[in-house]
Amino acid sequence: MSKLENHFETEDELAIGVDLGGSKIGIALVKKNGEIEKYIKIPTHAEQGQESTINRIKQGIYQVIEQKDLRINKISGIGIGAPGPVDYKEGVIHCAPNLPGWKEVPLANIVKDEFQIPVIMENDANVAAWGEKTFGVARGIDDMVCLAMGTGIGAGLILSGKIYHGKNNLAGEIGHIIVNKEGPRCNCGNYGCLEAYSSAAGIKNRLYSKINKLKADNQTPPFISDLDDISLVQIFKMAREGNEVVKDIVEEAIEYLGIGIATVINILNPEMIVLVGGLANEGDKLLNPLKEIIYKRAMSSHLPDLKIVFGKLGDYAGVIGAAALFWNYV
């Protein structure tokens, strides 16, 4: 596909936001007021390899632009939210545990070379946090943690009104807090990470392991659906209906998630915890038991003014936050 014509202007105040996930890629054309002009969602197909996924990102960007009949000169730039540790200054993904083979990938420069306009890349949880702060539930909040709960688990940290990156731009990897030193192996290579228990991938992996163990012991697991196709919504529904295999794993996932959040609260003393991502679709069925664990585990002095809420932007937090990097980034 040929490159689009390049004449960089910002008069229309449009930017493209890309939300790269382990299972899907969201791409949106976003106005400066946070409104989405065009949005598409395509599968990541990470199993097909790095080059294939990058080509899908490029094709998706072309699709969004061409469906709106835009020239590239009408777009301020492209913001990308990417999983795993990201060097936002250099635009490099250091590693992405849920994207096999992704190590030291200069994705920002690859996309910039294709479209010849500015590209900013941030950790996906950071852009979700920035979206919620700029246009969502955290407007006016200067100290908040946005917990992104999808294929993996990450956290975007907004401290004193700015994205906090840490010395090596690696802050916010809450998914790799060790919650059980004897726990299952995580995709990062360590054992007992929060992500191995409470992420979508972690929950499914633990179900696979438990079902295989029951079969090896010549027991019939009380489980019918194909795990490859089952959603988190279905898994949580089975747990509530009393499926013992699923119930134990889901309850443990919520408990460890609460412990992980309590740990972050004790360290950072934020004003707000914002929950986004696939697990957030459980609503109060997740939030109520999660709050019980957090209030039990966190220091009481941190709790009186703490707000624990779901994000307002839903599945669009990542793409809106990525686009907003061009207008409100600090």
C-alpha atoms as a PDB file:
ATOM      1  CA  MET A   1       0.000   0.000   0.000  1.00  0.00           C
ATOM      2  CA  SER A   2       1.415   3.371  -0.971  1.00  0.00           C
ATOM      3  CA  LYS A   3       2.111   6.052   1.626  1.00  0.00           C
ATOM      4  CA  LEU A   4      -0.420   8.821   2.024  1.00  0.00           C
ATOM      5  CA  GLU A   5       0.497  12.346   0.988  1.00  0.00           C
ATOM      6  CA  ASN A   6       2.334  14.210   3.740  1.00  0.00           C
ATOM      7  CA  HIS A   7       1.582  17.872   4.555  1.00  0.00           C
ATOM      8  CA  PHE A   8       1.622  18.243   8.352  1.00  0.00           C
ATOM      9  CA  GLU A   9      -0.971  20.675   9.683  1.00  0.00           C
ATOM     10  CA  THR A  10      -3.045  20.676  12.874  1.00  0.00           C
ATOM     11  CA  GLU A  11      -5.929  22.977  12.018  1.00  0.00           C
ATOM     12  CA  ASP A  12      -8.608  20.289  12.226  1.00  0.00           C
ATOM     13  CA  GLU A  13      -7.313  19.024  15.581  1.00  0.00           C
ATOM     14  CA  LEU A  14      -7.625  15.349  14.794  1.00  0.00           C
ATOM     15  CA  ALA A  15      -5.336  12.558  15.965  1.00  0.00           C
ATOM     16  CA  ILE A  16      -5.283   8.803  15.619  1.00  0.00           C
ATOM     17  CA  GLY A  17      -5.208   6.614  18.720  1.00  0.00           C
ATOM     18  CA  VAL A  18      -4.032   3.003  18.570  1.00  0.00           C
ATOM     19  CA  ASP A  19      -4.660   0.584  21.443  1.00  0.00           C
ATOM     20  CA  LEU A  20      -2.500  -2.504  20.894  1.00  0.00           C
ATOM     21  CA  GLY A  21      -3.606  -5.446  23.026  1.00  0.00           C
ATOM     22  CA  GLY A  22      -2.806  -9.116  23.273  1.00  0.00           C
ATOM     23  CA  SER A  23      -6.044 -10.128  21.561  1.00  0.00           C
ATOM     24  CA  LYS A  24      -7.327  -7.015  19.783  1.00  0.00           C
ATOM     25  CA  ILE A  25      -6.196  -3.733  18.266  1.00  0.00           C
ATOM     26  CA  GLY A  26      -8.426  -0.681  18.593  1.00  0.00           C
ATOM     27  CA  ILE A  27      -7.831   2.218  16.195  1.00  0.00           C
ATOM     28  CA  ALA A  28      -9.735   5.507  16.279  1.00  0.00           C
ATOM     29  CA  LEU A  29      -9.783   8.929  14.709  1.00  0.00           C
ATOM     30  CA  VAL A  30     -10.330  11.326  17.628  1.00  0.00           C
ATOM     31  CA  LYS A  31     -11.233  15.019  17.839  1.00  0.00           C
ATOM     32  CA  LYS A  32      -9.528  17.359  20.296  1.00  0.00           C
ATOM     33  CA  ASN A  33     -12.640  17.392  22.504  1.00  0.00           C
ATOM     34  CA  GLY A  34     -12.389  13.618  22.948  1.00  0.00           C
ATOM     35  CA  GLU A  35     -15.128  12.678  20.479  1.00  0.00           C
ATOM     36  CA  ILE A  36     -14.445   9.670  18.267  1.00  0.00           C
ATOM     37  CA  GLU A  37     -14.960  10.282  14.563  1.00  0.00           C
ATOM     38  CA  LYS A  38     -14.253   6.706  13.466  1.00  0.00           C
ATOM     39  CA  TYR A  39     -13.376   3.526  15.375  1.00  0.00           C
ATOM     40  CA  ILE A  40     -12.442   0.024  14.282  1.00  0.00           C
ATOM     41  CA  LYS A  41     -11.431  -3.063  16.235  1.00  0.00           C
ATOM     42  CA  ILE A  42      -9.434  -5.852  14.652  1.00  0.00           C
ATOM     43  CA  PRO A  43      -7.899  -9.059  16.052  1.00  0.00           C
ATOM     44  CA  THR A  44      -4.217  -8.910  16.959  1.00  0.00           C
ATOM     45  CA  HIS A  45      -3.418 -12.469  15.839  1.00  0.00           C
ATOM     46  CA  ALA A  46      -0.226 -12.335  17.885  1.00  0.00           C
ATOM     47  CA  GLU A  47       0.412 -15.987  17.086  1.00  0.00           C
ATOM     48  CA  GLN A  48       1.097 -14.991  13.469  1.00  0.00           C
ATOM     49  CA  GLY A  49       4.188 -13.058  14.510  1.00  0.00           C
ATOM     50  CA  GLN A  50       5.418  -9.528  15.004  1.00  0.00           C
ATOM     51  CA  GLU A  51       5.532  -8.479  11.354  1.00  0.00           C
ATOM     52  CA  SER A  52       1.966  -9.606  10.737  1.00  0.00           C
ATOM     53  CA  THR A  53       0.654  -7.654  13.743  1.00  0.00           C
ATOM     54  CA  ILE A  54       2.540  -4.498  12.729  1.00  0.00           C
ATOM     55  CA  ASN A  55       1.109  -4.765   9.217  1.00  0.00           C
ATOM     56  CA  ARG A  56      -2.363  -5.055  10.713  1.00  0.00           C
ATOM     57  CA  ILE A  57      -1.764  -1.835  12.669  1.00  0.00           C
ATOM     58  CA  LYS A  58      -0.682  -0.024   9.507  1.00  0.00           C
ATOM     59  CA  GLN A  59      -3.617  -1.343   7.486  1.00  0.00           C
ATOM     60  CA  GLY A  60      -6.032  -0.374  10.260  1.00  0.00           C
ATOM     61  CA  ILE A  61      -4.697   3.194  10.319  1.00  0.00           C
ATOM     62  CA  TYR A  62      -5.063   3.449   6.552  1.00  0.00           C
ATOM     63  CA  GLN A  63      -8.595   2.092   6.850  1.00  0.00           C
ATOM     64  CA  VAL A  64      -9.637   4.700   9.428  1.00  0.00           C
ATOM     65  CA  ILE A  65      -8.167   7.548   7.392  1.00  0.00           C
ATOM     66  CA  GLU A  66      -9.577   6.414   4.068  1.00  0.00           C
ATOM     67  CA  GLN A  67     -13.056   5.702   5.428  1.00  0.00           C
ATOM     68  CA  LYS A  68     -13.219   9.344   6.523  1.00  0.00           C
ATOM     69  CA  ASP A  69     -11.763  10.435   3.167  1.00  0.00           C
ATOM     70  CA  LEU A  70      -8.940  12.319   4.908  1.00  0.00           C
ATOM     71  CA  ARG A  71      -5.480  13.259   3.799  1.00  0.00           C
ATOM     72  CA  ILE A  72      -2.676  12.730   6.283  1.00  0.00           C
ATOM     73  CA  ASN A  73      -2.155  16.511   6.508  1.00  0.00           C
ATOM     74  CA  LYS A  74      -5.376  16.751   8.536  1.00  0.00           C
ATOM     75  CA  ILE A  75      -3.997  14.634  11.370  1.00  0.00           C
ATOM     76  CA  SER A  76      -1.820  15.921  14.210  1.00  0.00           C
ATOM     77  CA  GLY A  77      -0.183  12.568  14.771  1.00  0.00           C
ATOM     78  CA  ILE A  78      -0.580   8.966  15.838  1.00  0.00           C
ATOM     79  CA  GLY A  79      -0.590   7.948  19.505  1.00  0.00           C
ATOM     80  CA  ILE A  80      -0.001   4.312  20.388  1.00  0.00           C
ATOM     81  CA  GLY A  81      -0.736   2.497  23.635  1.00  0.00           C
ATOM     82  CA  ALA A  82       1.365  -0.674  23.778  1.00  0.00           C
ATOM     83  CA  PRO A  83       1.535  -3.498  26.327  1.00  0.00           C
ATOM     84  CA  GLY A  84       4.508  -4.245  28.534  1.00  0.00           C
ATOM     85  CA  PRO A  85       7.468  -2.052  29.474  1.00  0.00           C
ATOM     86  CA  VAL A  86       7.724   0.797  26.943  1.00  0.00           C
ATOM     87  CA  ASP A  87      10.415   3.451  26.471  1.00  0.00           C
ATOM     88  CA  TYR A  88       8.163   6.394  25.656  1.00  0.00           C
ATOM     89  CA  LYS A  89      11.123   8.638  24.781  1.00  0.00           C
ATOM     90  CA  GLU A  90      12.543   6.271  22.172  1.00  0.00           C
ATOM     91  CA  GLY A  91       9.240   4.683  21.143  1.00  0.00           C
ATOM     92  CA  VAL A  92      10.456   1.154  21.852  1.00  0.00           C
ATOM     93  CA  ILE A  93       8.564  -1.810  23.306  1.00  0.00           C
ATOM     94  CA  HIS A  94      11.144  -3.535  25.525  1.00  0.00           C
ATOM     95  CA  CYS A  95       9.079  -6.687  25.839  1.00  0.00           C
ATOM     96  CA  ALA A  96       5.412  -7.625  25.711  1.00  0.00           C
ATOM     97  CA  PRO A  97       4.692 -10.849  27.616  1.00  0.00           C
ATOM     98  CA  ASN A  98       1.383 -11.337  25.811  1.00  0.00           C
ATOM     99  CA  LEU A  99       2.853 -10.672  22.347  1.00  0.00           C
ATOM    100  CA  PRO A 100       5.258 -13.583  21.742  1.00  0.00           C
ATOM    101  CA  GLY A 101       8.610 -12.546  20.300  1.00  0.00           C
ATOM    102  CA  TRP A 102       8.183  -8.818  20.903  1.00  0.00           C
ATOM    103  CA  LYS A 103      11.483  -7.609  22.351  1.00  0.00           C
ATOM    104  CA  GLU A 104      13.105  -4.218  21.715  1.00  0.00           C
ATOM    105  CA  VAL A 105      10.626  -3.352  18.949  1.00  0.00           C
ATOM    106  CA  PRO A 106      10.909   0.291  17.714  1.00  0.00           C
ATOM    107  CA  LEU A 107       7.208   0.435  16.885  1.00  0.00           C
ATOM    108  CA  ALA A 108       6.885   4.237  16.989  1.00  0.00           C
ATOM    109  CA  ASN A 109       9.601   4.698  14.363  1.00  0.00           C
ATOM    110  CA  ILE A 110       8.169   1.912  12.210  1.00  0.00           C
ATOM    111  CA  VAL A 111       4.766   3.633  12.144  1.00  0.00           C
ATOM    112  CA  LYS A 112       6.355   7.070  11.708  1.00  0.00           C
ATOM    113  CA  ASP A 113       8.349   5.858   8.697  1.00  0.00           C
ATOM    114  CA  GLU A 114       5.143   4.538   7.139  1.00  0.00           C
ATOM    115  CA  PHE A 115       2.978   7.638   7.588  1.00  0.00           C
ATOM    116  CA  GLN A 116       5.558  10.446   7.870  1.00  0.00           C
ATOM    117  CA  ILE A 117       3.789  12.228  10.739  1.00  0.00           C
ATOM    118  CA  PRO A 118       4.635  12.454  14.471  1.00  0.00           C
ATOM    119  CA  VAL A 119       4.117   9.295  16.517  1.00  0.00           C
ATOM    120  CA  ILE A 120       4.080   9.047  20.331  1.00  0.00           C
ATOM    121  CA  MET A 121       4.017   5.683  22.079  1.00  0.00           C
ATOM    122  CA  GLU A 122       3.191   5.027  25.721  1.00  0.00           C
ATOM    123  CA  ASN A 123       2.410   1.999  27.847  1.00  0.00           C
ATOM    124  CA  ASP A 124      -1.211   0.960  27.257  1.00  0.00           C
ATOM    125  CA  ALA A 125      -2.200   1.455  30.892  1.00  0.00           C
ATOM    126  CA  ASN A 126      -0.675   4.949  30.819  1.00  0.00           C
ATOM    127  CA  VAL A 127      -2.789   5.973  27.824  1.00  0.00           C
ATOM    128  CA  ALA A 128      -5.933   4.545  29.427  1.00  0.00           C
ATOM    129  CA  ALA A 129      -5.127   6.564  32.561  1.00  0.00           C
ATOM    130  CA  TRP A 130      -4.494   9.659  30.469  1.00  0.00           C
ATOM    131  CA  GLY A 131      -7.780   9.178  28.642  1.00  0.00           C
ATOM    132  CA  GLU A 132      -9.731   8.900  31.901  1.00  0.00           C
ATOM    133  CA  LYS A 133      -7.962  11.932  33.362  1.00  0.00           C
ATOM    134  CA  THR A 134      -8.443  14.066  30.261  1.00  0.00           C
ATOM    135  CA  PHE A 135     -11.974  13.098  29.194  1.00  0.00           C
ATOM    136  CA  GLY A 136     -13.288  10.520  31.655  1.00  0.00           C
ATOM    137  CA  VAL A 137     -14.078   9.791  35.275  1.00  0.00           C
ATOM    138  CA  ALA A 138     -10.802  11.238  36.633  1.00  0.00           C
ATOM    139  CA  ARG A 139     -11.099  14.802  35.336  1.00  0.00           C
ATOM    140  CA  GLY A 140      -9.613  17.118  37.928  1.00  0.00           C
ATOM    141  CA  ILE A 141      -7.871  14.244  39.756  1.00  0.00           C
ATOM    142  CA  ASP A 142      -4.100  14.693  40.006  1.00  0.00           C
ATOM    143  CA  ASP A 143      -3.187  11.520  41.920  1.00  0.00           C
ATOM    144  CA  MET A 144      -4.744   8.357  40.558  1.00  0.00           C
ATOM    145  CA  VAL A 145      -3.994   4.791  39.507  1.00  0.00           C
ATOM    146  CA  CYS A 146      -5.712   3.362  36.455  1.00  0.00           C
ATOM    147  CA  LEU A 147      -5.720  -0.427  36.577  1.00  0.00           C
ATOM    148  CA  ALA A 148      -5.981  -1.951  33.099  1.00  0.00           C
ATOM    149  CA  MET A 149      -7.336  -5.483  33.411  1.00  0.00           C
ATOM    150  CA  GLY A 150      -7.332  -7.356  30.129  1.00  0.00           C
ATOM    151  CA  THR A 151      -5.192 -10.124  28.639  1.00  0.00           C
ATOM    152  CA  GLY A 152      -2.563  -8.882  31.100  1.00  0.00           C
ATOM    153  CA  ILE A 153      -2.667  -6.438  34.016  1.00  0.00           C
ATOM    154  CA  GLY A 154      -0.946  -3.055  34.070  1.00  0.00           C
ATOM    155  CA  ALA A 155      -1.331   0.254  35.843  1.00  0.00           C
ATOM    156  CA  GLY A 156      -1.129   3.810  34.599  1.00  0.00           C
ATOM    157  CA  LEU A 157       0.095   6.158  37.309  1.00  0.00           C
ATOM    158  CA  ILE A 158      -0.896   9.824  37.338  1.00  0.00           C
ATOM    159  CA  LEU A 159       1.009  11.592  40.113  1.00  0.00           C
ATOM    160  CA  SER A 160       0.809  15.361  40.651  1.00  0.00           C
ATOM    161  CA  GLY A 161      -1.116  15.601  37.380  1.00  0.00           C
ATOM    162  CA  LYS A 162       1.539  13.913  35.241  1.00  0.00           C
ATOM    163  CA  ILE A 163       2.157  10.410  33.929  1.00  0.00           C
ATOM    164  CA  TYR A 164       4.743   8.842  36.204  1.00  0.00           C
ATOM    165  CA  HIS A 165       7.290   6.800  34.253  1.00  0.00           C
ATOM    166  CA  GLY A 166      10.003   5.983  36.780  1.00  0.00           C
ATOM    167  CA  LYS A 167      13.751   6.196  36.200  1.00  0.00           C
ATOM    168  CA  ASN A 168      13.823   3.750  33.294  1.00  0.00           C
ATOM    169  CA  ASN A 169      10.273   4.453  32.040  1.00  0.00           C
ATOM    170  CA  LEU A 170       9.071   1.155  33.478  1.00  0.00           C
ATOM    171  CA  ALA A 171       6.747   2.218  36.306  1.00  0.00           C
ATOM    172  CA  GLY A 172       3.285   0.738  36.706  1.00  0.00           C
ATOM    173  CA  GLU A 173       3.870  -2.987  36.160  1.00  0.00           C
ATOM    174  CA  ILE A 174       1.447  -3.940  38.906  1.00  0.00           C
ATOM    175  CA  GLY A 175       0.715  -7.216  37.121  1.00  0.00           C
ATOM    176  CA  HIS A 176       4.152  -8.432  38.128  1.00  0.00           C
ATOM    177  CA  ILE A 177       3.820  -7.864  41.848  1.00  0.00           C
ATOM    178  CA  ILE A 178       4.518 -11.265  43.421  1.00  0.00           C
ATOM    179  CA  VAL A 179       1.397 -12.273  45.348  1.00  0.00           C
ATOM    180  CA  ASN A 180       2.386 -15.919  45.924  1.00  0.00           C
ATOM    181  CA  LYS A 181       6.012 -17.037  45.685  1.00  0.00           C
ATOM    182  CA  GLU A 182       4.839 -20.630  45.104  1.00  0.00           C
ATOM    183  CA  GLY A 183       2.404 -19.583  42.380  1.00  0.00           C
ATOM    184  CA  PRO A 184       2.190 -20.490  38.682  1.00  0.00           C
ATOM    185  CA  ARG A 185       4.730 -19.328  36.138  1.00  0.00           C
ATOM    186  CA  CYS A 186       3.897 -15.971  34.570  1.00  0.00           C
ATOM    187  CA  ASN A 187       4.527 -15.020  30.938  1.00  0.00           C
ATOM    188  CA  CYS A 188       7.242 -12.673  32.204  1.00  0.00           C
ATOM    189  CA  GLY A 189       9.217 -15.706  33.415  1.00  0.00           C
ATOM    190  CA  ASN A 190       8.667 -15.199  37.129  1.00  0.00           C
ATOM    191  CA  TYR A 191       6.368 -17.168  39.429  1.00  0.00           C
ATOM    192  CA  GLY A 192       3.283 -16.105  41.359  1.00  0.00           C
ATOM    193  CA  CYS A 193       2.711 -12.737  39.668  1.00  0.00           C
ATOM    194  CA  LEU A 194      -0.647 -11.024  40.078  1.00  0.00           C
ATOM    195  CA  GLU A 195      -1.082 -11.292  36.308  1.00  0.00           C
ATOM    196  CA  ALA A 196      -0.740 -15.093  36.473  1.00  0.00           C
ATOM    197  CA  TYR A 197      -3.768 -15.183  38.798  1.00  0.00           C
ATOM    198  CA  SER A 198      -6.055 -12.285  37.930  1.00  0.00           C
ATOM    199  CA  SER A 199      -5.653 -11.393  34.244  1.00  0.00           C
ATOM    200  CA  ALA A 200      -7.844 -12.916  31.539  1.00  0.00           C
ATOM    201  CA  ALA A 201      -4.912 -15.003  30.306  1.00  0.00           C
ATOM    202  CA  GLY A 202      -4.000 -16.022  33.851  1.00  0.00           C
ATOM    203  CA  ILE A 203      -7.533 -17.140  34.708  1.00  0.00           C
ATOM    204  CA  LYS A 204      -7.780 -19.221  31.524  1.00  0.00           C
ATOM    205  CA  ASN A 205      -4.332 -20.743  32.015  1.00  0.00           C
ATOM    206  CA  ARG A 206      -5.259 -21.813  35.533  1.00  0.00           C
ATOM    207  CA  LEU A 207      -8.484 -23.338  34.262  1.00  0.00           C
ATOM    208  CA  TYR A 208      -6.567 -25.307  31.643  1.00  0.00           C
ATOM    209  CA  SER A 209      -4.171 -26.589  34.306  1.00  0.00           C
ATOM    210  CA  LYS A 210      -6.915 -27.573  36.719  1.00  0.00           C
ATOM    211  CA  ILE A 211      -8.996 -29.348  34.075  1.00  0.00           C
ATOM    212  CA  ASN A 212      -5.953 -31.244  32.781  1.00  0.00           C
ATOM    213  CA  LYS A 213      -5.109 -32.326  36.321  1.00  0.00           C
ATOM    214  CA  LEU A 214      -8.646 -33.605  36.899  1.00  0.00           C
ATOM    215  CA  LYS A 215      -8.501 -35.551  33.641  1.00  0.00           C
ATOM    216  CA  ALA A 216      -5.109 -37.008  34.573  1.00  0.00           C
ATOM    217  CA  ASP A 217      -6.685 -38.185  37.842  1.00  0.00           C
ATOM    218  CA  ASN A 218      -9.518 -39.816  35.837  1.00  0.00           C
ATOM    219  CA  GLN A 219     -12.038 -37.302  37.093  1.00  0.00           C
ATOM    220  CA  THR A 220     -14.612 -35.561  34.918  1.00  0.00           C
ATOM    221  CA  PRO A 221     -14.341 -31.810  35.351  1.00  0.00           C
ATOM    222  CA  PRO A 222     -17.667 -29.947  35.769  1.00  0.00           C
ATOM    223  CA  PHE A 223     -16.936 -27.858  32.717  1.00  0.00           C
ATOM    224  CA  ILE A 224     -18.549 -27.956  29.281  1.00  0.00           C
ATOM    225  CA  SER A 225     -17.514 -25.042  27.080  1.00  0.00           C
ATOM    226  CA  ASP A 226     -14.379 -24.918  24.948  1.00  0.00           C
ATOM    227  CA  LEU A 227     -11.882 -22.730  26.803  1.00  0.00           C
ATOM    228  CA  ASP A 228     -10.461 -21.399  23.537  1.00  0.00           C
ATOM    229  CA  ASP A 229     -13.750 -19.666  22.810  1.00  0.00           C
ATOM    230  CA  ILE A 230     -15.077 -18.898  26.285  1.00  0.00           C
ATOM    231  CA  SER A 231     -15.211 -15.293  27.478  1.00  0.00           C
ATOM    232  CA  LEU A 232     -14.494 -13.867  30.918  1.00  0.00           C
ATOM    233  CA  VAL A 233     -18.167 -12.970  31.212  1.00  0.00           C
ATOM    234  CA  GLN A 234     -19.059 -16.660  30.787  1.00  0.00           C
ATOM    235  CA  ILE A 235     -16.343 -17.756  33.236  1.00  0.00           C
ATOM    236  CA  PHE A 236     -17.578 -15.376  35.930  1.00  0.00           C
ATOM    237  CA  LYS A 237     -21.179 -16.440  35.254  1.00  0.00           C
ATOM    238  CA  MET A 238     -20.242 -20.110  35.755  1.00  0.00           C
ATOM    239  CA  ALA A 239     -18.526 -19.199  39.016  1.00  0.00           C
ATOM    240  CA  ARG A 240     -21.667 -17.479  40.287  1.00  0.00           C
ATOM    241  CA  GLU A 241     -23.732 -20.519  39.244  1.00  0.00           C
ATOM    242  CA  GLY A 242     -21.579 -22.745  41.440  1.00  0.00           C
ATOM    243  CA  ASN A 243     -19.223 -24.501  39.011  1.00  0.00           C
ATOM    244  CA  GLU A 244     -16.628 -25.573  41.577  1.00  0.00           C
ATOM    245  CA  VAL A 245     -13.638 -25.641  39.210  1.00  0.00           C
ATOM    246  CA  VAL A 246     -14.345 -22.139  37.948  1.00  0.00           C
ATOM    247  CA  LYS A 247     -15.588 -20.747  41.275  1.00  0.00           C
ATOM    248  CA  ASP A 248     -12.355 -21.396  43.170  1.00  0.00           C
ATOM    249  CA  ILE A 249     -10.197 -19.854  40.469  1.00  0.00           C
ATOM    250  CA  VAL A 250     -12.377 -16.745  40.084  1.00  0.00           C
ATOM    251  CA  GLU A 251     -12.573 -16.168  43.836  1.00  0.00           C
ATOM    252  CA  GLU A 252      -8.806 -16.470  44.112  1.00  0.00           C
ATOM    253  CA  ALA A 253      -8.342 -14.105  41.155  1.00  0.00           C
ATOM    254  CA  ILE A 254     -10.471 -11.453  42.880  1.00  0.00           C
ATOM    255  CA  GLU A 255      -8.701 -11.958  46.198  1.00  0.00           C
ATOM    256  CA  TYR A 256      -5.225 -11.555  44.735  1.00  0.00           C
ATOM    257  CA  LEU A 257      -6.394  -8.570  42.682  1.00  0.00           C
ATOM    258  CA  GLY A 258      -7.582  -6.910  45.883  1.00  0.00           C
ATOM    259  CA  ILE A 259      -4.261  -7.648  47.582  1.00  0.00           C
ATOM    260  CA  GLY A 260      -2.356  -6.161  44.643  1.00  0.00           C
ATOM    261  CA  ILE A 261      -4.471  -2.992  44.638  1.00  0.00           C
ATOM    262  CA  ALA A 262      -4.136  -2.650  48.425  1.00  0.00           C
ATOM    263  CA  THR A 263      -0.359  -2.836  48.032  1.00  0.00           C
ATOM    264  CA  VAL A 264      -0.400   0.000  45.500  1.00  0.00           C
ATOM    265  CA  ILE A 265      -2.688   2.077  47.737  1.00  0.00           C
ATOM    266  CA  ASN A 266      -0.329   1.639  50.686  1.00  0.00           C
ATOM    267  CA  ILE A 267       2.634   2.775  48.582  1.00  0.00           C
ATOM    268  CA  LEU A 268       1.131   5.680  46.593  1.00  0.00           C
ATOM    269  CA  ASN A 269      -1.841   6.928  48.645  1.00  0.00           C
ATOM    270  CA  PRO A 270      -3.857   7.904  45.537  1.00  0.00           C
ATOM    271  CA  GLU A 271      -7.105   9.845  45.491  1.00  0.00           C
ATOM    272  CA  MET A 272      -8.722   7.484  43.002  1.00  0.00           C
ATOM    273  CA  ILE A 273      -8.396   3.924  41.664  1.00  0.00           C
ATOM    274  CA  VAL A 274      -9.926   3.580  38.179  1.00  0.00           C
ATOM    275  CA  LEU A 275     -10.669   0.093  36.847  1.00  0.00           C
ATOM    276  CA  VAL A 276     -10.727  -0.434  33.076  1.00  0.00           C
ATOM    277  CA  GLY A 277     -10.501  -3.393  30.713  1.00  0.00           C
ATOM    278  CA  GLY A 278     -12.308  -6.689  30.259  1.00  0.00           C
ATOM    279  CA  LEU A 279     -12.701  -7.560  33.933  1.00  0.00           C
ATOM    280  CA  ALA A 280     -14.378  -4.200  34.532  1.00  0.00           C
ATOM    281  CA  ASN A 281     -17.347  -5.474  32.518  1.00  0.00           C
ATOM    282  CA  GLU A 282     -18.336  -7.487  35.596  1.00  0.00           C
ATOM    283  CA  GLY A 283     -19.510  -4.258  37.234  1.00  0.00           C
ATOM    284  CA  ASP A 284     -20.609  -4.411  40.862  1.00  0.00           C
ATOM    285  CA  LYS A 285     -20.335  -8.214  40.814  1.00  0.00           C
ATOM    286  CA  LEU A 286     -16.576  -7.614  40.749  1.00  0.00           C
ATOM    287  CA  LEU A 287     -16.379  -4.267  42.529  1.00  0.00           C
ATOM    288  CA  ASN A 288     -18.229  -5.212  45.718  1.00  0.00           C
ATOM    289  CA  PRO A 289     -16.106  -8.250  46.695  1.00  0.00           C
ATOM    290  CA  LEU A 290     -12.986  -6.446  45.485  1.00  0.00           C
ATOM    291  CA  LYS A 291     -13.674  -3.480  47.768  1.00  0.00           C
ATOM    292  CA  GLU A 292     -14.142  -5.816  50.729  1.00  0.00           C
ATOM    293  CA  ILE A 293     -10.655  -7.239  50.188  1.00  0.00           C
ATOM    294  CA  ILE A 294      -9.080  -3.824  49.592  1.00  0.00           C
ATOM    295  CA  TYR A 295     -10.638  -2.318  52.729  1.00  0.00           C
ATOM    296  CA  LYS A 296      -9.460  -5.329  54.712  1.00  0.00           C
ATOM    297  CA  ARG A 297      -5.881  -5.256  53.373  1.00  0.00           C
ATOM    298  CA  ALA A 298      -5.028  -1.577  52.861  1.00  0.00           C
ATOM    299  CA  MET A 299      -3.989   0.671  55.743  1.00  0.00           C
ATOM    300  CA  SER A 300      -7.085   2.335  57.164  1.00  0.00           C
ATOM    301  CA  SER A 301      -5.481   5.794  57.043  1.00  0.00           C
ATOM    302  CA  HIS A 302      -5.476   5.608  53.208  1.00  0.00           C
ATOM    303  CA  LEU A 303      -9.166   4.791  52.873  1.00  0.00           C
ATOM    304  CA  PRO A 304     -11.458   7.658  54.056  1.00  0.00           C
ATOM    305  CA  ASP A 305     -11.167   9.775  50.885  1.00  0.00           C
ATOM    306  CA  LEU A 306     -10.269   7.003  48.438  1.00  0.00           C
ATOM    307  CA  LYS A 307     -12.555   6.508  45.431  1.00  0.00           C
ATOM    308  CA  ILE A 308     -12.597   3.138  43.652  1.00  0.00           C
ATOM    309  CA  VAL A 309     -14.545   3.464  40.418  1.00  0.00           C
ATOM    310  CA  PHE A 310     -14.908   2.055  36.935  1.00  0.00           C
ATOM    311  CA  GLY A 311     -13.648   4.074  34.006  1.00  0.00           C
ATOM    312  CA  LYS A 312     -16.118   6.185  32.063  1.00  0.00           C
ATOM    313  CA  LEU A 313     -14.647   5.655  28.596  1.00  0.00           C
ATOM    314  CA  GLY A 314     -15.027   1.864  28.466  1.00  0.00           C
ATOM    315  CA  ASP A 315     -13.262   0.139  25.586  1.00  0.00           C
ATOM    316  CA  TYR A 316     -12.366   3.545  24.141  1.00  0.00           C
ATOM    317  CA  ALA A 317     -10.111   4.684  27.010  1.00  0.00           C
ATOM    318  CA  GLY A 318      -6.974   3.465  25.246  1.00  0.00           C
ATOM    319  CA  VAL A 319      -7.581   5.013  21.844  1.00  0.00           C
ATOM    320  CA  ILE A 320      -8.852   8.309  23.289  1.00  0.00           C
ATOM    321  CA  GLY A 321      -5.940   8.531  25.712  1.00  0.00           C
ATOM    322  CA  ALA A 322      -3.415   7.715  22.981  1.00  0.00           C
ATOM    323  CA  ALA A 323      -4.805  10.457  20.730  1.00  0.00           C
ATOM    324  CA  ALA A 324      -4.924  12.915  23.666  1.00  0.00           C
ATOM    325  CA  LEU A 325      -1.131  12.614  24.019  1.00  0.00           C
ATOM    326  CA  PHE A 326      -0.927  15.178  21.216  1.00  0.00           C
ATOM    327  CA  TRP A 327      -2.944  17.853  23.010  1.00  0.00           C
ATOM    328  CA  ASN A 328      -2.603  17.500  26.756  1.00  0.00           C
ATOM    329  CA  TYR A 329       0.596  15.523  27.268  1.00  0.00           C
ATOM    330  CA  VAL A 330       2.845  16.548  30.168  1.00  0.00           C
END
